[in-house]
Amino acid sequence: AWYLEDLQILLENPNPIFSGYPDGTFKPNDALTADMFIKLVVTAMGEEVEPGGDYWASAYIRKALERGYIRQSDDFLTPGSSVDNYEPYRKPITRESMALITGRALDLMPEEKPYRDPLLFSSLILDYNHISSNAKAQVIKCYDLGILSGYPDGEFKPRNLLTRAEAVSVIRRLIDPGSRKAVVINPAANPSPTPVPVTELNRPEQKDPEKGIFEVEGIRIDPALDYVRNSGGVMSILKAEE
């Protein structure tokens, strides 16, 4: 099976990360619940967890909240009508919620992360616009480092439920950089700008503002020299002095 090596690595880890069912089976296609994925991440990251609580995963949830892997404001943790405070954690977790947690775990890892231009990856994920706005940045991180690779059809399928086999693969790649499958891509023709303080830019000489010169996002525009067209409420600068 495609996930077999990943599963074996996790089973052999000195700090047990994953286990099968009491009947000795793994059930790779079963959906994984949020509480189980949280436990996997907390355990894989080597966090010390104080046992105890009114729920088997409560100690892992407390640690995940403390470390920032999850937040009470996360959509997938919104309580339902039940009086059970742990109801959201008992539900199967979606792939985008998995990526949200995994991306936050990456932020806490000491390794150097050579992230590339996010525009490259947003264009590679065919259903990128279907990913929730609060999860997009974390999905991109996971794609960039090769923790996620999507489906053969080019989609990420953010609303799909995470399977146990997929979870094993994600956790192994999270803790083992050598197992990641980074995508080889060509540099973007028009890369996203790197945020640089305006004071550090090589600006032209200051001109007299009283003559109508103004600045938009670091670009100084002189209406007397530069052609500015307003079309449909959107300003397009055909020639501007940078």
C-alpha atoms as a PDB file:
ATOM      1  CA  ALA A   1       0.000   0.000   0.000  1.00  0.00           C
ATOM      2  CA  TRP A   2       1.204   3.528  -0.749  1.00  0.00           C
ATOM      3  CA  TYR A   3       1.138   4.505   2.930  1.00  0.00           C
ATOM      4  CA  LEU A   4       2.840   1.351   4.266  1.00  0.00           C
ATOM      5  CA  GLU A   5       6.348   2.783   4.688  1.00  0.00           C
ATOM      6  CA  ASP A   6       4.994   5.875   6.460  1.00  0.00           C
ATOM      7  CA  LEU A   7       2.948   3.707   8.808  1.00  0.00           C
ATOM      8  CA  GLN A   8       5.914   1.472   9.622  1.00  0.00           C
ATOM      9  CA  ILE A   9       8.079   4.503  10.454  1.00  0.00           C
ATOM     10  CA  LEU A  10       5.474   5.852  12.869  1.00  0.00           C
ATOM     11  CA  LEU A  11       4.902   2.453  14.472  1.00  0.00           C
ATOM     12  CA  GLU A  12       8.634   2.056  15.065  1.00  0.00           C
ATOM     13  CA  ASN A  13       9.069   5.539  16.530  1.00  0.00           C
ATOM     14  CA  PRO A  14      10.415   5.372  20.124  1.00  0.00           C
ATOM     15  CA  ASN A  15       7.611   7.729  21.089  1.00  0.00           C
ATOM     16  CA  PRO A  16       4.533   5.819  19.811  1.00  0.00           C
ATOM     17  CA  ILE A  17       2.628   8.106  17.456  1.00  0.00           C
ATOM     18  CA  PHE A  18       0.055   5.923  15.758  1.00  0.00           C
ATOM     19  CA  SER A  19      -1.622   2.615  16.434  1.00  0.00           C
ATOM     20  CA  GLY A  20      -4.248   0.416  14.870  1.00  0.00           C
ATOM     21  CA  TYR A  21      -7.595  -0.761  16.205  1.00  0.00           C
ATOM     22  CA  PRO A  22      -7.940  -3.275  19.068  1.00  0.00           C
ATOM     23  CA  ASP A  23      -8.768  -6.007  16.531  1.00  0.00           C
ATOM     24  CA  GLY A  24      -5.340  -5.566  14.913  1.00  0.00           C
ATOM     25  CA  THR A  25      -6.551  -3.779  11.772  1.00  0.00           C
ATOM     26  CA  PHE A  26      -5.569  -0.308  10.494  1.00  0.00           C
ATOM     27  CA  LYS A  27      -8.621   0.635   8.374  1.00  0.00           C
ATOM     28  CA  PRO A  28      -6.733   3.096   6.143  1.00  0.00           C
ATOM     29  CA  ASN A  29      -9.813   4.537   4.459  1.00  0.00           C
ATOM     30  CA  ASP A  30     -11.653   5.377   7.674  1.00  0.00           C
ATOM     31  CA  ALA A  31     -12.047   9.088   8.369  1.00  0.00           C
ATOM     32  CA  LEU A  32      -9.867  10.462  11.148  1.00  0.00           C
ATOM     33  CA  THR A  33     -11.472  12.560  13.869  1.00  0.00           C
ATOM     34  CA  ALA A  34     -10.212  15.990  14.899  1.00  0.00           C
ATOM     35  CA  ASP A  35      -9.203  14.830  18.368  1.00  0.00           C
ATOM     36  CA  MET A  36      -7.145  11.993  16.931  1.00  0.00           C
ATOM     37  CA  PHE A  37      -5.299  14.255  14.504  1.00  0.00           C
ATOM     38  CA  ILE A  38      -4.603  16.720  17.298  1.00  0.00           C
ATOM     39  CA  LYS A  39      -3.144  13.872  19.357  1.00  0.00           C
ATOM     40  CA  LEU A  40      -0.982  12.804  16.413  1.00  0.00           C
ATOM     41  CA  VAL A  41       0.464  16.297  15.939  1.00  0.00           C
ATOM     42  CA  VAL A  42       1.050  16.930  19.647  1.00  0.00           C
ATOM     43  CA  THR A  43       2.753  13.536  20.018  1.00  0.00           C
ATOM     44  CA  ALA A  44       4.811  13.829  16.825  1.00  0.00           C
ATOM     45  CA  MET A  45       6.059  17.262  17.899  1.00  0.00           C
ATOM     46  CA  GLY A  46       7.368  15.738  21.115  1.00  0.00           C
ATOM     47  CA  GLU A  47       5.197  17.816  23.420  1.00  0.00           C
ATOM     48  CA  GLU A  48       5.009  16.883  27.085  1.00  0.00           C
ATOM     49  CA  VAL A  49       1.391  16.248  27.990  1.00  0.00           C
ATOM     50  CA  GLU A  50       0.028  16.161  31.516  1.00  0.00           C
ATOM     51  CA  PRO A  51      -2.400  13.240  31.646  1.00  0.00           C
ATOM     52  CA  GLY A  52      -5.846  13.577  33.109  1.00  0.00           C
ATOM     53  CA  GLY A  53      -9.152  15.139  32.252  1.00  0.00           C
ATOM     54  CA  ASP A  54     -12.758  14.229  31.654  1.00  0.00           C
ATOM     55  CA  TYR A  55     -12.103  13.123  28.068  1.00  0.00           C
ATOM     56  CA  TRP A  56      -9.415  10.884  26.613  1.00  0.00           C
ATOM     57  CA  ALA A  57      -8.062  13.675  24.386  1.00  0.00           C
ATOM     58  CA  SER A  58      -8.509  16.607  26.768  1.00  0.00           C
ATOM     59  CA  ALA A  59      -4.804  16.717  27.722  1.00  0.00           C
ATOM     60  CA  TYR A  60      -3.780  16.789  24.051  1.00  0.00           C
ATOM     61  CA  ILE A  61      -6.356  19.463  23.290  1.00  0.00           C
ATOM     62  CA  ARG A  62      -5.093  21.631  26.148  1.00  0.00           C
ATOM     63  CA  LYS A  63      -1.539  21.315  24.898  1.00  0.00           C
ATOM     64  CA  ALA A  64      -2.581  22.056  21.303  1.00  0.00           C
ATOM     65  CA  LEU A  65      -4.366  25.217  22.445  1.00  0.00           C
ATOM     66  CA  GLU A  66      -1.406  26.237  24.578  1.00  0.00           C
ATOM     67  CA  ARG A  67       1.077  25.792  21.726  1.00  0.00           C
ATOM     68  CA  GLY A  68      -1.169  27.337  19.088  1.00  0.00           C
ATOM     69  CA  TYR A  69      -1.766  24.282  16.912  1.00  0.00           C
ATOM     70  CA  ILE A  70      -5.478  24.961  17.277  1.00  0.00           C
ATOM     71  CA  ARG A  71      -7.467  28.021  18.342  1.00  0.00           C
ATOM     72  CA  GLN A  72     -10.876  28.270  19.893  1.00  0.00           C
ATOM     73  CA  SER A  73     -11.871  30.552  17.009  1.00  0.00           C
ATOM     74  CA  ASP A  74     -11.157  27.872  14.358  1.00  0.00           C
ATOM     75  CA  ASP A  75     -14.285  27.215  12.316  1.00  0.00           C
ATOM     76  CA  PHE A  76     -14.065  23.451  12.644  1.00  0.00           C
ATOM     77  CA  LEU A  77     -14.132  23.766  16.439  1.00  0.00           C
ATOM     78  CA  THR A  78     -17.353  25.773  16.548  1.00  0.00           C
ATOM     79  CA  PRO A  79     -19.648  24.079  19.087  1.00  0.00           C
ATOM     80  CA  GLY A  80     -22.942  22.728  17.866  1.00  0.00           C
ATOM     81  CA  SER A  81     -26.216  22.582  19.728  1.00  0.00           C
ATOM     82  CA  SER A  82     -24.968  19.780  21.962  1.00  0.00           C
ATOM     83  CA  VAL A  83     -24.009  20.438  25.575  1.00  0.00           C
ATOM     84  CA  ASP A  84     -20.970  18.241  24.943  1.00  0.00           C
ATOM     85  CA  ASN A  85     -17.998  20.649  24.827  1.00  0.00           C
ATOM     86  CA  TYR A  86     -15.949  18.065  22.986  1.00  0.00           C
ATOM     87  CA  GLU A  87     -18.482  17.475  20.233  1.00  0.00           C
ATOM     88  CA  PRO A  88     -16.468  19.309  17.531  1.00  0.00           C
ATOM     89  CA  TYR A  89     -13.396  17.236  18.382  1.00  0.00           C
ATOM     90  CA  ARG A  90     -15.229  13.951  17.927  1.00  0.00           C
ATOM     91  CA  LYS A  91     -16.151  14.789  14.324  1.00  0.00           C
ATOM     92  CA  PRO A  92     -14.078  13.738  11.301  1.00  0.00           C
ATOM     93  CA  ILE A  93     -11.569  16.399  10.318  1.00  0.00           C
ATOM     94  CA  THR A  94     -11.407  17.871   6.810  1.00  0.00           C
ATOM     95  CA  ARG A  95      -8.257  18.126   4.739  1.00  0.00           C
ATOM     96  CA  GLU A  96      -8.133  21.916   5.006  1.00  0.00           C
ATOM     97  CA  SER A  97      -8.434  21.787   8.809  1.00  0.00           C
ATOM     98  CA  MET A  98      -5.642  19.218   8.816  1.00  0.00           C
ATOM     99  CA  ALA A  99      -3.477  21.596   6.757  1.00  0.00           C
ATOM    100  CA  LEU A 100      -4.311  24.473   9.106  1.00  0.00           C
ATOM    101  CA  ILE A 101      -2.976  22.533  12.103  1.00  0.00           C
ATOM    102  CA  THR A 102       0.007  21.126  10.199  1.00  0.00           C
ATOM    103  CA  GLY A 103       1.053  24.557   8.929  1.00  0.00           C
ATOM    104  CA  ARG A 104       1.018  25.937  12.458  1.00  0.00           C
ATOM    105  CA  ALA A 105       3.148  23.027  13.608  1.00  0.00           C
ATOM    106  CA  LEU A 106       5.631  23.850  10.843  1.00  0.00           C
ATOM    107  CA  ASP A 107       5.893  27.401  12.177  1.00  0.00           C
ATOM    108  CA  LEU A 108       7.102  26.024  15.517  1.00  0.00           C
ATOM    109  CA  MET A 109       9.736  23.703  14.057  1.00  0.00           C
ATOM    110  CA  PRO A 110      13.336  24.979  14.297  1.00  0.00           C
ATOM    111  CA  GLU A 111      14.313  23.848  10.789  1.00  0.00           C
ATOM    112  CA  GLU A 112      15.050  26.416   8.103  1.00  0.00           C
ATOM    113  CA  LYS A 113      12.141  26.623   5.677  1.00  0.00           C
ATOM    114  CA  PRO A 114      13.059  27.920   2.194  1.00  0.00           C
ATOM    115  CA  TYR A 115       9.531  28.937   1.206  1.00  0.00           C
ATOM    116  CA  ARG A 116       9.038  29.910  -2.406  1.00  0.00           C
ATOM    117  CA  ASP A 117       6.672  32.365  -4.063  1.00  0.00           C
ATOM    118  CA  PRO A 118       3.137  31.508  -2.864  1.00  0.00           C
ATOM    119  CA  LEU A 119       1.673  32.570  -6.209  1.00  0.00           C
ATOM    120  CA  LEU A 120       3.364  29.567  -7.791  1.00  0.00           C
ATOM    121  CA  PHE A 121       1.432  27.171  -5.604  1.00  0.00           C
ATOM    122  CA  SER A 122      -1.907  28.928  -5.601  1.00  0.00           C
ATOM    123  CA  SER A 123      -1.939  28.526  -9.380  1.00  0.00           C
ATOM    124  CA  LEU A 124      -0.995  24.827  -9.134  1.00  0.00           C
ATOM    125  CA  ILE A 125      -3.937  23.991  -6.849  1.00  0.00           C
ATOM    126  CA  LEU A 126      -6.883  23.928  -9.228  1.00  0.00           C
ATOM    127  CA  ASP A 127      -9.504  24.320  -6.492  1.00  0.00           C
ATOM    128  CA  TYR A 128      -7.514  26.915  -4.540  1.00  0.00           C
ATOM    129  CA  ASN A 129     -10.486  29.281  -4.483  1.00  0.00           C
ATOM    130  CA  HIS A 130     -12.530  26.651  -2.645  1.00  0.00           C
ATOM    131  CA  ILE A 131     -10.149  26.666   0.316  1.00  0.00           C
ATOM    132  CA  SER A 132     -11.288  28.733   3.302  1.00  0.00           C
ATOM    133  CA  SER A 133      -9.429  32.038   3.542  1.00  0.00           C
ATOM    134  CA  ASN A 134      -8.035  31.282   7.000  1.00  0.00           C
ATOM    135  CA  ALA A 135      -6.480  28.019   5.766  1.00  0.00           C
ATOM    136  CA  LYS A 136      -5.014  29.119   2.421  1.00  0.00           C
ATOM    137  CA  ALA A 137      -1.632  30.271   3.745  1.00  0.00           C
ATOM    138  CA  GLN A 138      -1.110  27.049   5.679  1.00  0.00           C
ATOM    139  CA  VAL A 139      -2.135  24.888   2.708  1.00  0.00           C
ATOM    140  CA  ILE A 140       0.424  26.737   0.564  1.00  0.00           C
ATOM    141  CA  LYS A 141       3.154  26.125   3.163  1.00  0.00           C
ATOM    142  CA  CYS A 142       2.412  22.415   3.201  1.00  0.00           C
ATOM    143  CA  TYR A 143       2.444  22.211  -0.605  1.00  0.00           C
ATOM    144  CA  ASP A 144       5.663  24.214  -0.815  1.00  0.00           C
ATOM    145  CA  LEU A 145       7.589  21.942   1.567  1.00  0.00           C
ATOM    146  CA  GLY A 146       6.170  18.745   0.064  1.00  0.00           C
ATOM    147  CA  ILE A 147       4.033  17.691   3.012  1.00  0.00           C
ATOM    148  CA  LEU A 148       0.943  17.789   0.805  1.00  0.00           C
ATOM    149  CA  SER A 149       0.801  16.982  -2.876  1.00  0.00           C
ATOM    150  CA  GLY A 150      -2.897  16.965  -3.663  1.00  0.00           C
ATOM    151  CA  TYR A 151      -4.789  14.547  -5.876  1.00  0.00           C
ATOM    152  CA  PRO A 152      -3.816  13.371  -9.381  1.00  0.00           C
ATOM    153  CA  ASP A 153      -6.447  15.678 -10.882  1.00  0.00           C
ATOM    154  CA  GLY A 154      -4.613  18.730  -9.486  1.00  0.00           C
ATOM    155  CA  GLU A 155      -7.134  19.493  -6.750  1.00  0.00           C
ATOM    156  CA  PHE A 156      -6.616  19.664  -3.011  1.00  0.00           C
ATOM    157  CA  LYS A 157     -10.249  18.847  -2.165  1.00  0.00           C
ATOM    158  CA  PRO A 158     -10.318  20.883   1.060  1.00  0.00           C
ATOM    159  CA  ARG A 159     -13.736  19.632   2.196  1.00  0.00           C
ATOM    160  CA  ASN A 160     -12.861  15.952   1.842  1.00  0.00           C
ATOM    161  CA  LEU A 161     -12.500  14.095   5.111  1.00  0.00           C
ATOM    162  CA  LEU A 162      -8.965  13.144   6.082  1.00  0.00           C
ATOM    163  CA  THR A 163      -8.388   9.393   5.976  1.00  0.00           C
ATOM    164  CA  ARG A 164      -6.196   7.495   8.407  1.00  0.00           C
ATOM    165  CA  ALA A 165      -3.776   6.623   5.599  1.00  0.00           C
ATOM    166  CA  GLU A 166      -3.483  10.283   4.566  1.00  0.00           C
ATOM    167  CA  ALA A 167      -2.896  11.293   8.190  1.00  0.00           C
ATOM    168  CA  VAL A 168      -0.031   8.819   8.511  1.00  0.00           C
ATOM    169  CA  SER A 169       1.626  10.285   5.417  1.00  0.00           C
ATOM    170  CA  VAL A 170       1.204  13.885   6.598  1.00  0.00           C
ATOM    171  CA  ILE A 171       2.607  13.201  10.072  1.00  0.00           C
ATOM    172  CA  ARG A 172       5.598  11.298   8.709  1.00  0.00           C
ATOM    173  CA  ARG A 173       6.446  14.157   6.315  1.00  0.00           C
ATOM    174  CA  LEU A 174       5.975  16.711   9.086  1.00  0.00           C
ATOM    175  CA  ILE A 175       8.656  15.166  11.294  1.00  0.00           C
ATOM    176  CA  ASP A 176      10.884  13.682   8.572  1.00  0.00           C
ATOM    177  CA  PRO A 177      12.013  16.308   6.018  1.00  0.00           C
ATOM    178  CA  GLY A 178      13.710  13.590   3.960  1.00  0.00           C
ATOM    179  CA  SER A 179      10.365  11.969   3.194  1.00  0.00           C
ATOM    180  CA  ARG A 180       8.766  15.108   1.787  1.00  0.00           C
ATOM    181  CA  LYS A 181       7.871  15.313  -1.882  1.00  0.00           C
ATOM    182  CA  ALA A 182       8.602  18.899  -2.837  1.00  0.00           C
ATOM    183  CA  VAL A 183       7.230  20.016  -6.189  1.00  0.00           C
ATOM    184  CA  VAL A 184       9.753  21.161  -8.798  1.00  0.00           C
ATOM    185  CA  ILE A 185       8.393  24.252 -10.481  1.00  0.00           C
ATOM    186  CA  ASN A 186       9.691  27.040 -12.684  1.00  0.00           C
ATOM    187  CA  PRO A 187      10.065  30.522 -11.184  1.00  0.00           C
ATOM    188  CA  ALA A 188       7.115  32.822 -11.721  1.00  0.00           C
ATOM    189  CA  ALA A 189       7.364  35.329 -14.555  1.00  0.00           C
ATOM    190  CA  ASN A 190       5.949  38.010 -12.270  1.00  0.00           C
ATOM    191  CA  PRO A 191       6.793  36.971  -8.696  1.00  0.00           C
ATOM    192  CA  SER A 192       4.909  38.452  -5.782  1.00  0.00           C
ATOM    193  CA  PRO A 193       6.675  41.523  -4.419  1.00  0.00           C
ATOM    194  CA  THR A 194       8.783  41.114  -1.315  1.00  0.00           C
ATOM    195  CA  PRO A 195       7.593  43.530   1.381  1.00  0.00           C
ATOM    196  CA  VAL A 196      10.305  46.188   1.707  1.00  0.00           C
ATOM    197  CA  PRO A 197       9.954  49.331   3.832  1.00  0.00           C
ATOM    198  CA  VAL A 198       9.508  52.367   1.594  1.00  0.00           C
ATOM    199  CA  THR A 199      12.433  54.031   3.374  1.00  0.00           C
ATOM    200  CA  GLU A 200      14.750  51.300   2.059  1.00  0.00           C
ATOM    201  CA  LEU A 201      13.678  51.634  -1.563  1.00  0.00           C
ATOM    202  CA  ASN A 202      15.769  53.566  -4.060  1.00  0.00           C
ATOM    203  CA  ARG A 203      13.258  56.351  -4.566  1.00  0.00           C
ATOM    204  CA  PRO A 204      13.623  59.236  -7.053  1.00  0.00           C
ATOM    205  CA  GLU A 205      14.095  62.799  -5.866  1.00  0.00           C
ATOM    206  CA  GLN A 206      11.198  64.259  -3.928  1.00  0.00           C
ATOM    207  CA  LYS A 207       9.018  66.509  -6.024  1.00  0.00           C
ATOM    208  CA  ASP A 208       6.736  69.264  -4.951  1.00  0.00           C
ATOM    209  CA  PRO A 209       3.479  67.674  -3.671  1.00  0.00           C
ATOM    210  CA  GLU A 210       1.667  70.918  -4.372  1.00  0.00           C
ATOM    211  CA  LYS A 211       2.067  70.240  -8.077  1.00  0.00           C
ATOM    212  CA  GLY A 212      -0.198  67.217  -7.842  1.00  0.00           C
ATOM    213  CA  ILE A 213       2.364  64.465  -7.254  1.00  0.00           C
ATOM    214  CA  PHE A 214       1.072  61.600  -5.125  1.00  0.00           C
ATOM    215  CA  GLU A 215       2.171  58.137  -4.074  1.00  0.00           C
ATOM    216  CA  VAL A 216       0.283  54.822  -4.317  1.00  0.00           C
ATOM    217  CA  GLU A 217       1.827  51.792  -2.581  1.00  0.00           C
ATOM    218  CA  GLY A 218       5.347  53.123  -2.971  1.00  0.00           C
ATOM    219  CA  ILE A 219       4.945  54.324  -6.576  1.00  0.00           C
ATOM    220  CA  ARG A 220       5.210  58.098  -7.032  1.00  0.00           C
ATOM    221  CA  ILE A 221       2.975  59.441  -9.779  1.00  0.00           C
ATOM    222  CA  ASP A 222       3.152  62.818 -11.453  1.00  0.00           C
ATOM    223  CA  PRO A 223      -0.104  63.395 -13.349  1.00  0.00           C
ATOM    224  CA  ALA A 224       1.638  65.980 -15.493  1.00  0.00           C
ATOM    225  CA  LEU A 225       4.050  63.369 -16.837  1.00  0.00           C
ATOM    226  CA  ASP A 226       2.460  59.982 -16.226  1.00  0.00           C
ATOM    227  CA  TYR A 227      -0.702  58.806 -17.935  1.00  0.00           C
ATOM    228  CA  VAL A 228      -3.221  57.613 -15.354  1.00  0.00           C
ATOM    229  CA  ARG A 229      -6.495  56.079 -16.501  1.00  0.00           C
ATOM    230  CA  ASN A 230      -9.448  55.249 -14.285  1.00  0.00           C
ATOM    231  CA  SER A 231     -11.490  52.472 -15.857  1.00  0.00           C
ATOM    232  CA  GLY A 232     -14.480  50.956 -14.099  1.00  0.00           C
ATOM    233  CA  GLY A 233     -13.397  52.376 -10.764  1.00  0.00           C
ATOM    234  CA  VAL A 234      -9.993  50.672 -10.955  1.00  0.00           C
ATOM    235  CA  MET A 235      -6.933  52.875 -11.492  1.00  0.00           C
ATOM    236  CA  SER A 236      -4.444  51.489 -13.991  1.00  0.00           C
ATOM    237  CA  ILE A 237      -1.054  53.135 -14.250  1.00  0.00           C
ATOM    238  CA  LEU A 238       0.275  52.899 -17.779  1.00  0.00           C
ATOM    239  CA  LYS A 239       3.444  54.838 -17.045  1.00  0.00           C
ATOM    240  CA  ALA A 240       4.685  55.607 -13.566  1.00  0.00           C
ATOM    241  CA  GLU A 241       7.928  56.773 -12.061  1.00  0.00           C
ATOM    242  CA  GLU A 242       9.334  54.245  -9.575  1.00  0.00           C
END
